[in-house]
Protein backbone atom coordinates (compact mmCIF):
# COMPACT_ATOMS: atom_id res chain seq x y z
CA MET A 1 -13.76 21.97 2.17
CA MET A 2 -10.18 22.78 3.42
CA ASN A 3 -11.04 20.14 6.59
CA LYS A 4 -12.07 17.71 3.87
CA LYS A 5 -8.82 18.16 1.96
CA ARG A 6 -6.73 17.70 5.23
CA VAL A 7 -8.50 14.36 6.05
CA PHE A 8 -7.96 12.73 2.65
CA ALA A 9 -4.28 13.95 2.92
CA LEU A 10 -4.14 11.64 5.95
CA MET A 11 -4.86 8.40 4.24
CA LEU A 12 -2.25 5.60 3.77
CA THR A 13 -1.66 3.76 0.77
CA PHE A 14 0.52 0.48 1.09
CA VAL A 15 2.10 -1.05 -2.20
CA VAL A 16 3.81 -4.55 -2.42
CA SER A 17 5.58 -5.51 -5.93
CA LEU A 18 5.56 -9.36 -6.82
CA ASN A 19 7.30 -11.12 -9.54
CA ILE A 20 4.59 -14.03 -10.26
CA LEU A 21 6.39 -16.85 -12.08
CA PRO A 22 3.88 -19.12 -14.42
CA CYS A 23 1.91 -21.81 -12.07
CA SER A 24 -0.21 -24.70 -12.83
CA LEU A 25 -1.68 -25.43 -9.59
CA GLN A 26 -4.84 -26.55 -9.52
CA ALA A 27 -5.41 -25.14 -13.08
CA THR A 28 -6.59 -26.83 -16.13
CA GLU A 29 -4.18 -24.49 -17.93
CA GLN A 30 -1.05 -23.07 -17.31
CA ASN A 31 -0.88 -19.28 -15.87
CA THR A 32 0.24 -16.83 -18.44
CA PRO A 33 3.41 -15.33 -17.16
CA LYS A 34 2.78 -12.04 -15.64
CA GLU A 35 4.07 -9.51 -13.11
CA GLU A 36 1.74 -8.34 -10.20
CA VAL A 37 1.20 -5.42 -8.09
CA VAL A 38 -0.57 -5.32 -4.86
CA TYR A 39 -2.07 -2.36 -3.53
CA ILE A 40 -3.75 -2.02 -0.16
CA ASN A 41 -5.86 1.12 0.78
CA LEU A 42 -5.53 1.76 4.55
CA ASP A 43 -7.74 3.80 6.72
CA ASN A 44 -6.37 6.68 8.77
CA ASP A 45 -5.47 4.15 11.91
CA GLY A 46 -3.76 1.59 9.51
CA SER A 47 -6.55 -0.81 9.28
CA VAL A 48 -7.08 -2.47 5.71
CA SER A 49 -10.49 -1.07 3.85
CA GLU A 50 -9.66 -2.62 0.48
CA ILE A 51 -6.93 -4.75 -1.58
CA ASN A 52 -6.78 -4.64 -5.17
CA VAL A 53 -4.34 -6.51 -7.60
CA VAL A 54 -3.11 -5.01 -10.68
CA ASN A 55 -2.00 -7.94 -13.44
CA ILE A 56 0.47 -7.18 -15.99
CA PHE A 57 0.85 -9.26 -18.88
CA GLN A 58 2.80 -9.47 -21.99
CA THR A 59 0.87 -11.25 -24.69
CA ASP A 60 1.95 -14.02 -26.94
CA ASP A 61 0.86 -14.86 -30.50
CA SER A 62 -2.17 -16.50 -29.32
CA GLY A 63 -3.45 -13.48 -27.77
CA LYS A 64 -5.08 -15.67 -24.81
CA ILE A 65 -4.62 -14.92 -21.15
CA VAL A 66 -5.50 -17.37 -18.50
CA ASP A 67 -4.91 -16.42 -14.96
CA TYR A 68 -6.19 -17.44 -11.83
CA GLY A 69 -7.44 -15.79 -8.46
CA GLU A 70 -10.38 -15.06 -5.72
CA TYR A 71 -11.54 -11.83 -6.59
CA GLU A 72 -15.13 -9.70 -5.72
CA SER A 73 -14.60 -7.90 -9.05
CA VAL A 74 -12.61 -7.58 -12.08
CA ARG A 75 -11.92 -4.98 -14.65
CA ASN A 76 -9.70 -4.51 -17.73
CA MET A 77 -7.58 -1.31 -17.54
CA THR A 78 -6.19 -1.34 -21.05
CA SER A 79 -9.19 -2.17 -23.53
CA THR A 80 -12.66 -2.71 -24.25
CA ASP A 81 -11.87 -6.57 -24.49
CA GLU A 82 -14.11 -8.88 -22.50
CA ILE A 83 -13.03 -10.36 -19.22
CA CYS A 84 -14.28 -13.82 -18.58
CA TYR A 85 -14.42 -14.79 -14.57
CA ALA A 86 -16.04 -18.02 -13.62
CA ASP A 87 -14.86 -20.46 -10.38
CA ASN A 88 -11.55 -18.21 -10.23
CA VAL A 89 -10.41 -18.76 -13.35
CA ILE A 90 -9.54 -15.78 -15.87
CA THR A 91 -9.58 -15.78 -19.31
CA ILE A 92 -8.89 -13.00 -21.73
CA GLU A 93 -8.62 -12.86 -25.75
CA THR A 94 -6.60 -9.43 -26.84
CA ASP A 95 -4.79 -8.12 -29.64
CA ASN A 96 -2.96 -5.88 -27.24
CA ASP A 97 0.95 -6.54 -26.97
CA LYS A 98 0.58 -5.70 -23.07
CA LEU A 99 -2.54 -5.75 -20.92
CA TYR A 100 -3.49 -4.87 -17.56
CA TYR A 101 -6.33 -5.99 -15.32
CA GLU A 102 -6.89 -5.11 -11.91
CA GLY A 103 -8.95 -7.56 -9.43
CA LYS A 104 -10.26 -6.63 -5.91
CA LEU A 105 -9.51 -9.39 -3.53
CA SER A 106 -12.61 -10.69 -1.54
CA GLU A 107 -10.80 -10.95 1.66
CA ASN A 108 -8.63 -8.35 3.58
CA ASN A 109 -5.90 -10.13 4.89
CA ILE A 110 -2.17 -9.02 5.02
CA PRO A 111 1.13 -10.26 6.82
CA TRP A 112 1.32 -6.87 8.98
CA ASP A 113 -0.77 -5.43 11.46
CA ILE A 114 -0.21 -1.42 11.02
CA LYS A 115 -1.31 1.17 13.39
CA LEU A 116 -1.19 4.64 13.15
CA HIS A 117 -1.82 7.17 16.10
CA TYR A 118 -1.65 10.72 16.14
CA TYR A 119 -0.95 13.09 19.21
CA MET A 120 -1.25 16.75 19.61
CA ASP A 121 0.50 18.40 22.73
CA GLY A 122 0.49 14.93 24.30
CA ARG A 123 -3.43 13.90 23.63
CA GLU A 124 -4.49 11.31 21.02
CA TYR A 125 -6.80 12.45 18.17
CA SER A 126 -8.32 10.69 15.54
CA ALA A 127 -7.21 11.67 12.12
CA GLU A 128 -10.35 13.80 11.31
CA GLU A 129 -9.71 15.69 14.61
CA ILE A 130 -6.13 16.43 14.16
CA ALA A 131 -6.26 18.15 11.09
CA GLY A 132 -5.97 21.94 11.15
CA LYS A 133 -4.49 21.70 14.69
CA SER A 134 -1.13 23.34 15.75
CA GLY A 135 1.20 22.65 18.61
CA LEU A 136 3.45 19.32 19.32
CA LEU A 137 2.69 16.60 16.88
CA GLU A 138 3.52 13.06 17.50
CA LEU A 139 2.92 10.55 15.13
CA THR A 140 3.46 6.95 15.89
CA LEU A 141 3.61 3.90 13.54
CA THR A 142 3.62 0.30 14.63
CA ILE A 143 4.24 -2.71 12.03
CA GLU A 144 3.70 -6.35 13.62
CA LYS A 145 3.19 -9.68 12.40
CA SER A 146 -0.29 -10.52 11.68
CA GLY A 147 -1.88 -13.76 12.46
CA ASN A 148 -4.46 -13.63 9.45
CA CYS A 149 -1.82 -14.52 6.89
CA ASP A 150 0.86 -16.92 5.49
CA GLU A 151 4.33 -16.05 7.05
CA THR A 152 6.05 -16.20 3.25
CA LEU A 153 5.88 -12.47 2.55
CA TYR A 154 6.56 -11.52 6.22
CA ASN A 155 9.69 -13.23 6.26
CA ASN A 156 10.93 -12.00 2.68
CA PHE A 157 9.67 -8.67 2.27
CA LEU A 158 11.42 -5.23 3.11
CA LEU A 159 9.08 -2.63 4.00
CA GLN A 160 9.70 1.12 3.55
CA ALA A 161 7.23 3.43 5.23
CA ALA A 162 7.64 7.46 3.92
CA LEU A 163 6.13 10.07 5.37
CA THR A 164 6.14 13.73 3.93
CA LEU A 165 6.08 16.85 5.86
CA ASP A 166 5.48 20.43 4.62
CA THR A 167 8.47 22.69 6.19
CA ASP A 168 5.94 25.74 5.80
CA ILE A 169 3.70 24.19 8.44
CA CYS A 170 6.19 21.66 10.31
CA HIS A 171 9.32 22.73 12.28
CA ASP A 172 11.72 20.83 14.46
CA ILE A 173 11.07 17.75 12.75
CA GLU A 174 12.76 14.82 14.88
CA ALA A 175 12.59 11.12 13.75
CA GLU A 176 14.87 8.54 15.51
CA GLY A 177 15.65 5.48 13.34
CA ALA A 178 14.83 7.29 10.20
CA THR A 179 16.27 8.71 7.08
CA ILE A 180 15.30 12.45 6.59
CA ALA A 181 15.72 13.97 3.15
CA ASN A 182 14.74 17.00 1.93
CA VAL A 183 12.39 17.13 -1.11
CA GLY A 184 11.57 20.58 -2.21
CA SER A 185 10.58 22.47 0.54
CA ASP A 186 9.66 19.22 2.22
CA LYS A 187 11.03 16.69 4.70
CA GLN A 188 10.62 12.76 3.53
CA ILE A 189 11.13 10.78 6.79
CA THR A 190 11.91 7.25 5.43
CA TYR A 191 11.80 3.79 8.02
CA THR A 192 13.15 0.48 6.58
CA ILE A 193 11.51 -2.53 8.46
CA ILE A 194 13.87 -5.58 7.55
CA PRO A 195 11.80 -9.04 6.65
CA GLY A 196 10.75 -10.82 9.84
CA MET A 197 11.10 -7.70 11.96
CA GLU A 198 8.61 -5.66 14.04
CA ALA A 199 9.01 -1.64 14.35
CA ASP A 200 7.69 1.04 16.52
CA TYR A 201 8.40 4.51 15.32
CA THR A 202 7.78 7.99 16.46
CA SER A 203 8.12 11.29 14.39
CA THR A 204 7.59 14.56 16.17
CA ALA A 205 7.13 18.09 15.03
CA LYS A 206 5.74 21.73 15.96
CA VAL A 207 3.03 22.07 13.73
CA ASP A 208 1.08 25.15 12.62
CA ASN A 209 -2.59 24.19 10.98
CA PHE A 210 -1.55 20.72 10.58
CA GLU A 211 -2.00 18.70 7.47
CA MET A 212 0.30 16.23 5.49
CA GLU A 213 0.43 13.90 2.50
CA SER A 214 -0.51 10.16 2.14
CA ILE A 215 1.63 7.78 3.83
CA ALA A 216 3.08 5.32 1.43
CA ILE A 217 4.13 1.77 2.51
CA ASN A 218 6.46 -0.22 0.01
CA GLY A 219 6.98 -3.46 0.20
CA LEU A 220 9.78 -5.35 -1.93
CA PRO A 221 11.20 -8.80 -1.85
CA LEU A 222 14.87 -9.14 -0.17
CA ASN A 223 16.75 -12.10 -1.48
C-alpha cells in the first residue's frame, strides 16, 4: 500500500487559467461570457493523459447558457440541470447565479512538450521504480515547444513549475535557476519559464526512502 502511495504522489498536474471573451465564430448564438480553467493531467514521464476544461459562467436574467467546444463528455458541476450537447454546441437552462461545467477534450494536444526523468546515483529509473529508494536523487524537467498545437499559448503564457520536497527525507537540495522557499518542513522549488522559451532544469538532493508530492505546472497569460 505504501508503494502505491509513493507512485501516485509522483503524478503531475498542469493547470492553465484562461479568460475567455464572448465569441460568435461559426456560432448560431453568441457565447455566454465565461472564464475557463484547463486542467491537463500528465503521466509520471510528462506525457499527457487527459485534458479537462472547467467553464465558469455568471448567468443573466434569462438563465440560458450557450457555449461551444469539442468534448468527449460533459458534466454539470453545480446542479442537476441538464446539459444539452450536440454538434459541439452546449446549452444549459439554469436558475443558479453561477454555474460550472466540465468538458473532457477529445484530443490531448498542448503547446508544450514536457519530459520528466528520474535518476538515483546516476542510474535512470521510472517513477514506479524510484519510489522508496535512497541515494543521490537527480530529477530533470525539460519543457520544449510542441509541434501539435497553435503557437498562441506557447508565445503568450508564462509557466511556473513547482516541486515540493520533504526535508525529513530530502537533504542538501540544489536547484540551479530556481527559487527555493521554505513551506513548513518542506522545500518548494519553483522554476519560471517565460513565454516562447524552452527550459531544461535539474534538481538534486540526497534522499532516504524517496517519495514526493505532485509537481504542479501553472500557466498564466503574460501581457
